[in-house]
Amino acid sequence: MSHSQLGLRKRCEKILGHLDLPHPFSLEGLCGRIAEQRGRPIRLHPLPEEAAQTGVCGLWVGTARVDYVFYEEKTTPLHREHIVLHELGHILFGHHSLEGEEHDGRAPVVLGRADYTTRQEQEAEMLASMIRIRTTVPCPQPAAELRGTLARLESAMGYERRRRGH
């Protein structure tokens, strides 16, 4: 495992260590707990069709008072849930703007999910996947099996491609 992969996993583990996942798991319960930590509500909404047509499947708009999470409605329930978890990952990591852009604190934060090439997207995707694994995998699961699952997730996020030099 590369240093960057290990660092990504450690950052996700740190956030998960401070997150009280609801049992049984529900998105509403998770949103409620995150909203309580942040002191402002999280509102879930279907993504407007015009935005979905651009290839974005999820979007987080953070204002001073409310976090709005938009998700692609015309997909499977499991995919919708993963999209929301990904956007919640951005919130939990405290991402503030599109990579490389400055944020002055007055304008809303807007992050759209279209690919996984930036560090912020990789962090949000890994955290979403780790939340999903922890809320669905019966415990205890052999460590080797968990490592295999995480390795497949990392590969799907492009780590394998970078190791080959692309």
N, C-alpha and C. Protein backbone atom coordinates (compact mmCIF):
# COMPACT_ATOMS: atom_id res chain seq x y z
N MET A 1 0.84 -1.17 0.00
CA MET A 1 0.00 0.00 0.00
C MET A 1 0.89 1.24 0.00
N SER A 2 0.57 2.18 -0.86
CA SER A 2 1.39 3.37 -0.96
C SER A 2 1.16 4.29 0.24
N HIS A 3 2.10 5.22 0.40
CA HIS A 3 2.01 6.20 1.49
C HIS A 3 0.74 7.04 1.37
N SER A 4 0.38 7.44 0.14
CA SER A 4 -0.83 8.27 -0.04
C SER A 4 -2.09 7.49 0.28
N GLN A 5 -2.14 6.20 -0.05
CA GLN A 5 -3.30 5.38 0.27
C GLN A 5 -3.43 5.22 1.78
N LEU A 6 -2.32 4.98 2.44
CA LEU A 6 -2.32 4.82 3.88
C LEU A 6 -2.77 6.12 4.55
N GLY A 7 -2.27 7.24 4.04
CA GLY A 7 -2.68 8.53 4.59
C GLY A 7 -4.17 8.79 4.40
N LEU A 8 -4.70 8.44 3.25
CA LEU A 8 -6.13 8.61 2.98
C LEU A 8 -6.94 7.77 3.95
N ARG A 9 -6.56 6.53 4.13
CA ARG A 9 -7.29 5.66 5.04
C ARG A 9 -7.24 6.18 6.47
N LYS A 10 -6.06 6.67 6.89
CA LYS A 10 -5.92 7.20 8.26
C LYS A 10 -6.79 8.44 8.46
N ARG A 11 -6.85 9.32 7.45
CA ARG A 11 -7.71 10.50 7.56
C ARG A 11 -9.18 10.10 7.69
N CYS A 12 -9.58 9.10 6.93
CA CYS A 12 -10.97 8.61 7.01
C CYS A 12 -11.24 7.97 8.37
N GLU A 13 -10.29 7.16 8.86
CA GLU A 13 -10.45 6.51 10.16
C GLU A 13 -10.59 7.54 11.28
N LYS A 14 -9.84 8.62 11.18
CA LYS A 14 -9.92 9.68 12.21
C LYS A 14 -11.31 10.29 12.24
N ILE A 15 -11.86 10.58 11.08
CA ILE A 15 -13.21 11.15 11.01
C ILE A 15 -14.23 10.14 11.52
N LEU A 16 -14.10 8.89 11.11
CA LEU A 16 -15.03 7.86 11.56
C LEU A 16 -14.96 7.66 13.07
N GLY A 17 -13.80 7.88 13.66
CA GLY A 17 -13.65 7.76 15.10
C GLY A 17 -14.47 8.78 15.87
N HIS A 18 -14.81 9.89 15.24
CA HIS A 18 -15.60 10.94 15.88
C HIS A 18 -17.07 10.91 15.44
N LEU A 19 -17.43 9.91 14.65
CA LEU A 19 -18.77 9.83 14.08
C LEU A 19 -19.53 8.68 14.71
N ASP A 20 -20.61 8.99 15.36
CA ASP A 20 -21.46 7.98 15.98
C ASP A 20 -22.47 7.51 14.94
N LEU A 21 -22.17 6.41 14.25
CA LEU A 21 -23.05 5.91 13.20
C LEU A 21 -24.33 5.35 13.81
N PRO A 22 -25.48 5.71 13.25
CA PRO A 22 -26.74 5.21 13.79
C PRO A 22 -26.91 3.71 13.53
N HIS A 23 -27.50 3.01 14.51
CA HIS A 23 -27.81 1.58 14.37
C HIS A 23 -29.26 1.38 14.75
N PRO A 24 -30.12 0.89 13.88
CA PRO A 24 -29.81 0.52 12.51
C PRO A 24 -29.50 1.77 11.69
N PHE A 25 -28.73 1.57 10.63
CA PHE A 25 -28.28 2.69 9.83
C PHE A 25 -29.41 3.27 9.00
N SER A 26 -29.46 4.60 8.94
CA SER A 26 -30.34 5.32 8.02
C SER A 26 -29.65 6.62 7.64
N LEU A 27 -29.88 7.07 6.41
CA LEU A 27 -29.31 8.35 5.99
C LEU A 27 -29.86 9.48 6.85
N GLU A 28 -31.15 9.41 7.15
CA GLU A 28 -31.77 10.47 7.96
C GLU A 28 -31.10 10.54 9.33
N GLY A 29 -30.86 9.38 9.93
CA GLY A 29 -30.19 9.35 11.24
C GLY A 29 -28.79 9.91 11.17
N LEU A 30 -28.04 9.52 10.13
CA LEU A 30 -26.68 10.03 9.96
C LEU A 30 -26.69 11.54 9.73
N CYS A 31 -27.58 12.01 8.87
CA CYS A 31 -27.68 13.45 8.61
C CYS A 31 -28.00 14.20 9.90
N GLY A 32 -28.89 13.62 10.71
CA GLY A 32 -29.25 14.26 11.98
C GLY A 32 -28.05 14.38 12.91
N ARG A 33 -27.23 13.34 12.97
CA ARG A 33 -26.05 13.38 13.85
C ARG A 33 -25.00 14.37 13.35
N ILE A 34 -24.79 14.39 12.05
CA ILE A 34 -23.82 15.34 11.49
C ILE A 34 -24.34 16.77 11.68
N ALA A 35 -25.63 16.98 11.44
CA ALA A 35 -26.22 18.31 11.61
C ALA A 35 -26.08 18.78 13.06
N GLU A 36 -26.27 17.87 13.99
CA GLU A 36 -26.13 18.22 15.40
C GLU A 36 -24.70 18.65 15.71
N GLN A 37 -23.71 17.91 15.17
CA GLN A 37 -22.30 18.27 15.37
C GLN A 37 -21.99 19.64 14.79
N ARG A 38 -22.57 19.93 13.62
CA ARG A 38 -22.25 21.18 12.91
C ARG A 38 -23.11 22.35 13.36
N GLY A 39 -24.22 22.07 14.05
CA GLY A 39 -25.09 23.14 14.50
C GLY A 39 -25.94 23.75 13.41
N ARG A 40 -26.18 22.98 12.34
CA ARG A 40 -27.07 23.45 11.28
C ARG A 40 -27.62 22.24 10.53
N PRO A 41 -28.84 22.36 10.01
CA PRO A 41 -29.49 21.21 9.38
C PRO A 41 -28.86 20.82 8.05
N ILE A 42 -29.09 19.57 7.68
CA ILE A 42 -28.73 19.05 6.36
C ILE A 42 -30.02 18.70 5.66
N ARG A 43 -30.24 19.26 4.50
CA ARG A 43 -31.46 19.03 3.72
C ARG A 43 -31.10 18.20 2.48
N LEU A 44 -31.80 17.09 2.28
CA LEU A 44 -31.59 16.23 1.12
C LEU A 44 -32.64 16.54 0.06
N HIS A 45 -32.19 16.70 -1.20
CA HIS A 45 -33.10 17.01 -2.30
C HIS A 45 -32.66 16.28 -3.56
N PRO A 46 -33.62 15.87 -4.41
CA PRO A 46 -33.23 15.32 -5.72
C PRO A 46 -32.53 16.41 -6.53
N LEU A 47 -31.56 16.00 -7.31
CA LEU A 47 -30.82 16.91 -8.18
C LEU A 47 -31.74 17.39 -9.30
N PRO A 48 -31.77 18.69 -9.58
CA PRO A 48 -32.57 19.16 -10.72
C PRO A 48 -32.13 18.46 -12.00
N GLU A 49 -33.09 18.14 -12.86
CA GLU A 49 -32.80 17.38 -14.07
C GLU A 49 -31.72 18.04 -14.93
N GLU A 50 -31.73 19.37 -14.99
CA GLU A 50 -30.72 20.09 -15.80
C GLU A 50 -29.32 19.79 -15.30
N ALA A 51 -29.14 19.72 -13.98
CA ALA A 51 -27.82 19.43 -13.42
C ALA A 51 -27.43 17.99 -13.69
N ALA A 52 -28.39 17.08 -13.55
CA ALA A 52 -28.11 15.66 -13.78
C ALA A 52 -27.67 15.43 -15.22
N GLN A 53 -28.22 16.19 -16.16
CA GLN A 53 -27.88 16.02 -17.57
C GLN A 53 -26.45 16.44 -17.87
N THR A 54 -25.82 17.19 -16.98
CA THR A 54 -24.43 17.62 -17.20
C THR A 54 -23.44 16.55 -16.78
N GLY A 55 -23.92 15.46 -16.16
CA GLY A 55 -23.03 14.40 -15.71
C GLY A 55 -22.76 14.41 -14.22
N VAL A 56 -23.20 15.46 -13.52
CA VAL A 56 -23.05 15.51 -12.07
C VAL A 56 -24.11 14.61 -11.46
N CYS A 57 -23.72 13.77 -10.50
CA CYS A 57 -24.72 12.91 -9.86
C CYS A 57 -24.97 13.29 -8.41
N GLY A 58 -24.16 14.18 -7.86
CA GLY A 58 -24.37 14.66 -6.51
C GLY A 58 -23.80 16.05 -6.36
N LEU A 59 -24.32 16.78 -5.38
CA LEU A 59 -23.90 18.17 -5.20
C LEU A 59 -24.13 18.56 -3.75
N TRP A 60 -23.15 19.24 -3.18
CA TRP A 60 -23.30 19.80 -1.84
C TRP A 60 -23.23 21.31 -1.96
N VAL A 61 -24.24 21.99 -1.42
CA VAL A 61 -24.24 23.44 -1.35
C VAL A 61 -24.31 23.79 0.14
N GLY A 62 -23.23 24.34 0.65
CA GLY A 62 -23.16 24.72 2.05
C GLY A 62 -23.32 26.21 2.22
N THR A 63 -24.35 26.61 2.93
CA THR A 63 -24.55 28.03 3.23
C THR A 63 -24.21 28.25 4.70
N ALA A 64 -24.34 29.47 5.16
CA ALA A 64 -24.02 29.78 6.55
C ALA A 64 -24.98 29.10 7.52
N ARG A 65 -26.21 28.80 7.08
CA ARG A 65 -27.22 28.25 7.98
C ARG A 65 -27.63 26.81 7.69
N VAL A 66 -27.46 26.35 6.45
CA VAL A 66 -27.97 25.03 6.04
C VAL A 66 -26.99 24.39 5.06
N ASP A 67 -26.87 23.06 5.16
CA ASP A 67 -26.16 22.28 4.13
C ASP A 67 -27.21 21.58 3.28
N TYR A 68 -27.15 21.82 1.97
CA TYR A 68 -28.06 21.17 1.03
C TYR A 68 -27.28 20.09 0.28
N VAL A 69 -27.81 18.88 0.29
CA VAL A 69 -27.19 17.79 -0.45
C VAL A 69 -28.18 17.35 -1.52
N PHE A 70 -27.74 17.42 -2.77
CA PHE A 70 -28.56 17.02 -3.90
C PHE A 70 -28.02 15.70 -4.45
N TYR A 71 -28.92 14.83 -4.87
CA TYR A 71 -28.53 13.51 -5.36
C TYR A 71 -29.32 13.17 -6.63
N GLU A 72 -28.73 12.35 -7.48
CA GLU A 72 -29.38 11.86 -8.69
C GLU A 72 -30.54 10.96 -8.26
N GLU A 73 -31.73 11.29 -8.69
CA GLU A 73 -32.92 10.54 -8.29
C GLU A 73 -33.16 9.33 -9.18
N LYS A 74 -32.77 9.41 -10.45
CA LYS A 74 -33.07 8.35 -11.41
C LYS A 74 -31.96 7.30 -11.44
N THR A 75 -31.75 6.68 -10.30
CA THR A 75 -30.77 5.61 -10.17
C THR A 75 -31.27 4.66 -9.09
N THR A 76 -30.51 3.64 -8.79
CA THR A 76 -30.94 2.67 -7.78
C THR A 76 -30.91 3.29 -6.38
N PRO A 77 -31.71 2.76 -5.46
CA PRO A 77 -31.67 3.28 -4.09
C PRO A 77 -30.27 3.19 -3.47
N LEU A 78 -29.56 2.10 -3.73
CA LEU A 78 -28.21 1.96 -3.17
C LEU A 78 -27.27 3.02 -3.73
N HIS A 79 -27.37 3.30 -5.03
CA HIS A 79 -26.52 4.34 -5.63
C HIS A 79 -26.88 5.71 -5.09
N ARG A 80 -28.18 5.99 -4.93
CA ARG A 80 -28.61 7.28 -4.34
C ARG A 80 -28.00 7.45 -2.96
N GLU A 81 -28.07 6.39 -2.16
CA GLU A 81 -27.51 6.45 -0.81
C GLU A 81 -26.01 6.71 -0.86
N HIS A 82 -25.31 6.06 -1.78
CA HIS A 82 -23.86 6.26 -1.87
C HIS A 82 -23.54 7.70 -2.29
N ILE A 83 -24.32 8.25 -3.19
CA ILE A 83 -24.11 9.63 -3.61
C ILE A 83 -24.24 10.56 -2.41
N VAL A 84 -25.27 10.36 -1.60
CA VAL A 84 -25.47 11.19 -0.41
C VAL A 84 -24.31 11.00 0.56
N LEU A 85 -23.89 9.75 0.77
CA LEU A 85 -22.75 9.50 1.67
C LEU A 85 -21.50 10.21 1.17
N HIS A 86 -21.28 10.22 -0.14
CA HIS A 86 -20.13 10.91 -0.73
C HIS A 86 -20.19 12.40 -0.40
N GLU A 87 -21.35 13.01 -0.60
CA GLU A 87 -21.49 14.44 -0.31
C GLU A 87 -21.32 14.71 1.18
N LEU A 88 -21.83 13.81 2.01
CA LEU A 88 -21.62 13.95 3.46
C LEU A 88 -20.13 13.82 3.78
N GLY A 89 -19.41 13.03 2.99
CA GLY A 89 -17.96 12.93 3.16
C GLY A 89 -17.28 14.27 2.97
N HIS A 90 -17.72 15.04 1.97
CA HIS A 90 -17.17 16.39 1.79
C HIS A 90 -17.43 17.23 3.03
N ILE A 91 -18.64 17.14 3.56
CA ILE A 91 -19.00 17.92 4.75
C ILE A 91 -18.12 17.51 5.92
N LEU A 92 -17.99 16.20 6.15
CA LEU A 92 -17.23 15.71 7.29
C LEU A 92 -15.74 16.05 7.19
N PHE A 93 -15.21 16.07 5.97
CA PHE A 93 -13.81 16.44 5.78
C PHE A 93 -13.61 17.95 5.87
N GLY A 94 -14.70 18.71 5.82
CA GLY A 94 -14.56 20.16 5.89
C GLY A 94 -14.04 20.76 4.60
N HIS A 95 -14.33 20.11 3.48
CA HIS A 95 -13.91 20.68 2.19
C HIS A 95 -14.64 22.00 2.00
N HIS A 96 -13.92 22.98 1.47
CA HIS A 96 -14.49 24.32 1.40
C HIS A 96 -14.75 24.83 0.00
N SER A 97 -14.08 24.29 -1.00
CA SER A 97 -14.28 24.82 -2.34
C SER A 97 -13.80 23.81 -3.35
N LEU A 98 -14.10 24.06 -4.59
CA LEU A 98 -13.54 23.22 -5.64
C LEU A 98 -12.03 23.31 -5.56
N GLU A 99 -11.35 22.22 -5.78
CA GLU A 99 -9.90 22.17 -5.59
C GLU A 99 -9.22 23.30 -6.34
N GLY A 100 -8.39 24.04 -5.62
CA GLY A 100 -7.62 25.11 -6.25
C GLY A 100 -8.32 26.47 -6.22
N GLU A 101 -9.59 26.51 -5.79
CA GLU A 101 -10.29 27.78 -5.73
C GLU A 101 -10.32 28.28 -4.30
N GLU A 102 -10.28 29.58 -4.14
CA GLU A 102 -10.33 30.18 -2.82
C GLU A 102 -11.78 30.38 -2.41
N HIS A 103 -12.02 30.37 -1.10
CA HIS A 103 -13.36 30.57 -0.57
C HIS A 103 -13.26 31.62 0.53
N ASP A 104 -14.00 32.71 0.38
CA ASP A 104 -13.88 33.82 1.32
C ASP A 104 -14.82 33.73 2.52
N GLY A 105 -15.63 32.67 2.61
CA GLY A 105 -16.52 32.50 3.75
C GLY A 105 -17.87 33.17 3.58
N ARG A 106 -18.03 34.03 2.58
CA ARG A 106 -19.32 34.69 2.38
C ARG A 106 -20.17 33.97 1.35
N ALA A 107 -19.56 33.48 0.31
CA ALA A 107 -20.32 32.80 -0.74
C ALA A 107 -20.57 31.34 -0.33
N PRO A 108 -21.64 30.75 -0.84
CA PRO A 108 -21.91 29.34 -0.51
C PRO A 108 -20.81 28.43 -1.04
N VAL A 109 -20.59 27.34 -0.34
CA VAL A 109 -19.70 26.29 -0.81
C VAL A 109 -20.50 25.44 -1.79
N VAL A 110 -19.97 25.18 -2.96
CA VAL A 110 -20.65 24.33 -3.93
C VAL A 110 -19.65 23.31 -4.42
N LEU A 111 -19.93 22.04 -4.15
CA LEU A 111 -19.08 20.95 -4.63
C LEU A 111 -19.95 19.96 -5.39
N GLY A 112 -19.58 19.67 -6.62
CA GLY A 112 -20.32 18.72 -7.43
C GLY A 112 -19.52 17.46 -7.66
N ARG A 113 -20.22 16.34 -7.66
CA ARG A 113 -19.57 15.05 -7.84
C ARG A 113 -19.71 14.61 -9.28
N ALA A 114 -18.60 14.58 -10.01
CA ALA A 114 -18.62 14.10 -11.39
C ALA A 114 -17.51 13.08 -11.61
N ASP A 115 -16.37 13.24 -10.95
CA ASP A 115 -15.28 12.28 -11.09
C ASP A 115 -14.51 12.21 -9.78
N TYR A 116 -13.46 11.39 -9.76
CA TYR A 116 -12.74 11.15 -8.51
C TYR A 116 -11.26 11.49 -8.65
N THR A 117 -10.94 12.52 -9.43
CA THR A 117 -9.53 12.78 -9.71
C THR A 117 -8.86 13.67 -8.69
N THR A 118 -9.60 14.47 -7.95
CA THR A 118 -8.97 15.36 -6.99
C THR A 118 -8.87 14.69 -5.63
N ARG A 119 -7.99 15.22 -4.80
CA ARG A 119 -7.83 14.69 -3.45
C ARG A 119 -9.16 14.76 -2.68
N GLN A 120 -9.87 15.88 -2.80
CA GLN A 120 -11.14 16.02 -2.10
C GLN A 120 -12.13 14.94 -2.54
N GLU A 121 -12.19 14.68 -3.81
CA GLU A 121 -13.12 13.65 -4.31
C GLU A 121 -12.71 12.27 -3.82
N GLN A 122 -11.42 11.99 -3.79
CA GLN A 122 -10.95 10.70 -3.29
C GLN A 122 -11.25 10.54 -1.81
N GLU A 123 -11.07 11.62 -1.03
CA GLU A 123 -11.37 11.57 0.40
C GLU A 123 -12.85 11.30 0.62
N ALA A 124 -13.70 12.05 -0.07
CA ALA A 124 -15.15 11.88 0.11
C ALA A 124 -15.60 10.49 -0.32
N GLU A 125 -15.05 10.00 -1.40
CA GLU A 125 -15.43 8.67 -1.91
C GLU A 125 -14.99 7.57 -0.96
N MET A 126 -13.78 7.64 -0.46
CA MET A 126 -13.29 6.62 0.46
C MET A 126 -14.10 6.65 1.75
N LEU A 127 -14.39 7.83 2.28
CA LEU A 127 -15.15 7.93 3.52
C LEU A 127 -16.56 7.38 3.31
N ALA A 128 -17.19 7.69 2.19
CA ALA A 128 -18.53 7.16 1.90
C ALA A 128 -18.50 5.64 1.87
N SER A 129 -17.49 5.08 1.23
CA SER A 129 -17.38 3.63 1.13
C SER A 129 -17.13 3.00 2.49
N MET A 130 -16.30 3.62 3.31
CA MET A 130 -16.01 3.08 4.64
C MET A 130 -17.24 3.15 5.55
N ILE A 131 -18.04 4.20 5.43
CA ILE A 131 -19.28 4.28 6.20
C ILE A 131 -20.20 3.14 5.78
N ARG A 132 -20.34 2.95 4.48
CA ARG A 132 -21.20 1.90 3.96
C ARG A 132 -20.74 0.53 4.43
N ILE A 133 -19.44 0.27 4.39
CA ILE A 133 -18.90 -1.02 4.84
C ILE A 133 -19.20 -1.23 6.31
N ARG A 134 -18.98 -0.21 7.11
CA ARG A 134 -19.18 -0.35 8.57
C ARG A 134 -20.64 -0.52 8.96
N THR A 135 -21.54 -0.07 8.11
CA THR A 135 -22.96 -0.16 8.46
C THR A 135 -23.64 -1.38 7.85
N THR A 136 -22.94 -2.13 6.99
CA THR A 136 -23.57 -3.29 6.37
C THR A 136 -22.82 -4.59 6.60
N VAL A 137 -21.54 -4.53 6.89
CA VAL A 137 -20.74 -5.74 7.06
C VAL A 137 -20.98 -6.31 8.45
N PRO A 138 -21.40 -7.60 8.54
CA PRO A 138 -21.55 -8.19 9.87
C PRO A 138 -20.19 -8.27 10.56
N CYS A 139 -20.16 -7.96 11.82
CA CYS A 139 -18.92 -7.99 12.57
C CYS A 139 -18.88 -9.25 13.40
N PRO A 140 -17.74 -9.78 13.73
CA PRO A 140 -16.45 -9.36 13.19
C PRO A 140 -16.19 -9.98 11.82
N GLN A 141 -15.53 -9.25 10.98
CA GLN A 141 -15.14 -9.75 9.67
C GLN A 141 -13.63 -9.89 9.67
N PRO A 142 -13.12 -10.95 9.07
CA PRO A 142 -11.67 -11.12 9.05
C PRO A 142 -10.97 -9.89 8.45
N ALA A 143 -9.89 -9.50 9.08
CA ALA A 143 -9.15 -8.31 8.64
C ALA A 143 -8.71 -8.43 7.19
N ALA A 144 -8.31 -9.63 6.76
CA ALA A 144 -7.86 -9.80 5.38
C ALA A 144 -8.99 -9.51 4.40
N GLU A 145 -10.22 -9.90 4.76
CA GLU A 145 -11.36 -9.64 3.88
C GLU A 145 -11.65 -8.14 3.80
N LEU A 146 -11.55 -7.45 4.92
CA LEU A 146 -11.73 -5.99 4.91
C LEU A 146 -10.65 -5.31 4.09
N ARG A 147 -9.41 -5.75 4.24
CA ARG A 147 -8.32 -5.16 3.45
C ARG A 147 -8.57 -5.37 1.97
N GLY A 148 -9.08 -6.55 1.60
CA GLY A 148 -9.38 -6.82 0.19
C GLY A 148 -10.46 -5.89 -0.34
N THR A 149 -11.49 -5.66 0.47
CA THR A 149 -12.57 -4.75 0.07
C THR A 149 -12.03 -3.34 -0.12
N LEU A 150 -11.22 -2.86 0.83
CA LEU A 150 -10.66 -1.52 0.72
C LEU A 150 -9.70 -1.42 -0.46
N ALA A 151 -8.94 -2.48 -0.73
CA ALA A 151 -8.02 -2.46 -1.87
C ALA A 151 -8.81 -2.33 -3.18
N ARG A 152 -9.94 -3.03 -3.27
CA ARG A 152 -10.77 -2.91 -4.49
C ARG A 152 -11.33 -1.50 -4.63
N LEU A 153 -11.73 -0.89 -3.50
CA LEU A 153 -12.23 0.49 -3.55
C LEU A 153 -11.13 1.44 -4.01
N GLU A 154 -9.94 1.27 -3.46
CA GLU A 154 -8.83 2.14 -3.84
C GLU A 154 -8.51 1.97 -5.32
N SER A 155 -8.55 0.74 -5.79
CA SER A 155 -8.29 0.48 -7.21
C SER A 155 -9.33 1.16 -8.08
N ALA A 156 -10.60 1.06 -7.66
CA ALA A 156 -11.67 1.68 -8.43
C ALA A 156 -11.54 3.20 -8.46
N MET A 157 -10.88 3.78 -7.46
CA MET A 157 -10.72 5.22 -7.40
C MET A 157 -9.47 5.70 -8.13
N GLY A 158 -8.79 4.80 -8.81
CA GLY A 158 -7.69 5.24 -9.64
C GLY A 158 -6.30 5.02 -9.10
N TYR A 159 -6.15 4.46 -7.92
CA TYR A 159 -4.81 4.25 -7.38
C TYR A 159 -4.04 3.27 -8.24
N GLU A 160 -4.68 2.25 -8.75
CA GLU A 160 -4.00 1.27 -9.59
C GLU A 160 -3.47 1.94 -10.85
N ARG A 161 -4.30 2.81 -11.44
CA ARG A 161 -3.89 3.51 -12.67
C ARG A 161 -2.65 4.33 -12.41
N ARG A 162 -2.58 5.04 -11.27
CA ARG A 162 -1.41 5.87 -10.99
C ARG A 162 -0.17 5.02 -10.75
N ARG A 163 -0.34 3.85 -10.14
CA ARG A 163 0.81 3.00 -9.90
C ARG A 163 1.42 2.53 -11.21
N ARG A 164 0.59 2.40 -12.25
CA ARG A 164 1.12 1.99 -13.55
C ARG A 164 1.71 3.16 -14.32
N GLY A 165 1.62 4.36 -13.76
CA GLY A 165 2.26 5.51 -14.38
C GLY A 165 1.38 6.28 -15.33
N HIS A 166 0.05 6.10 -15.28
CA HIS A 166 -0.87 6.85 -16.17
C HIS A 166 -1.30 8.12 -15.54
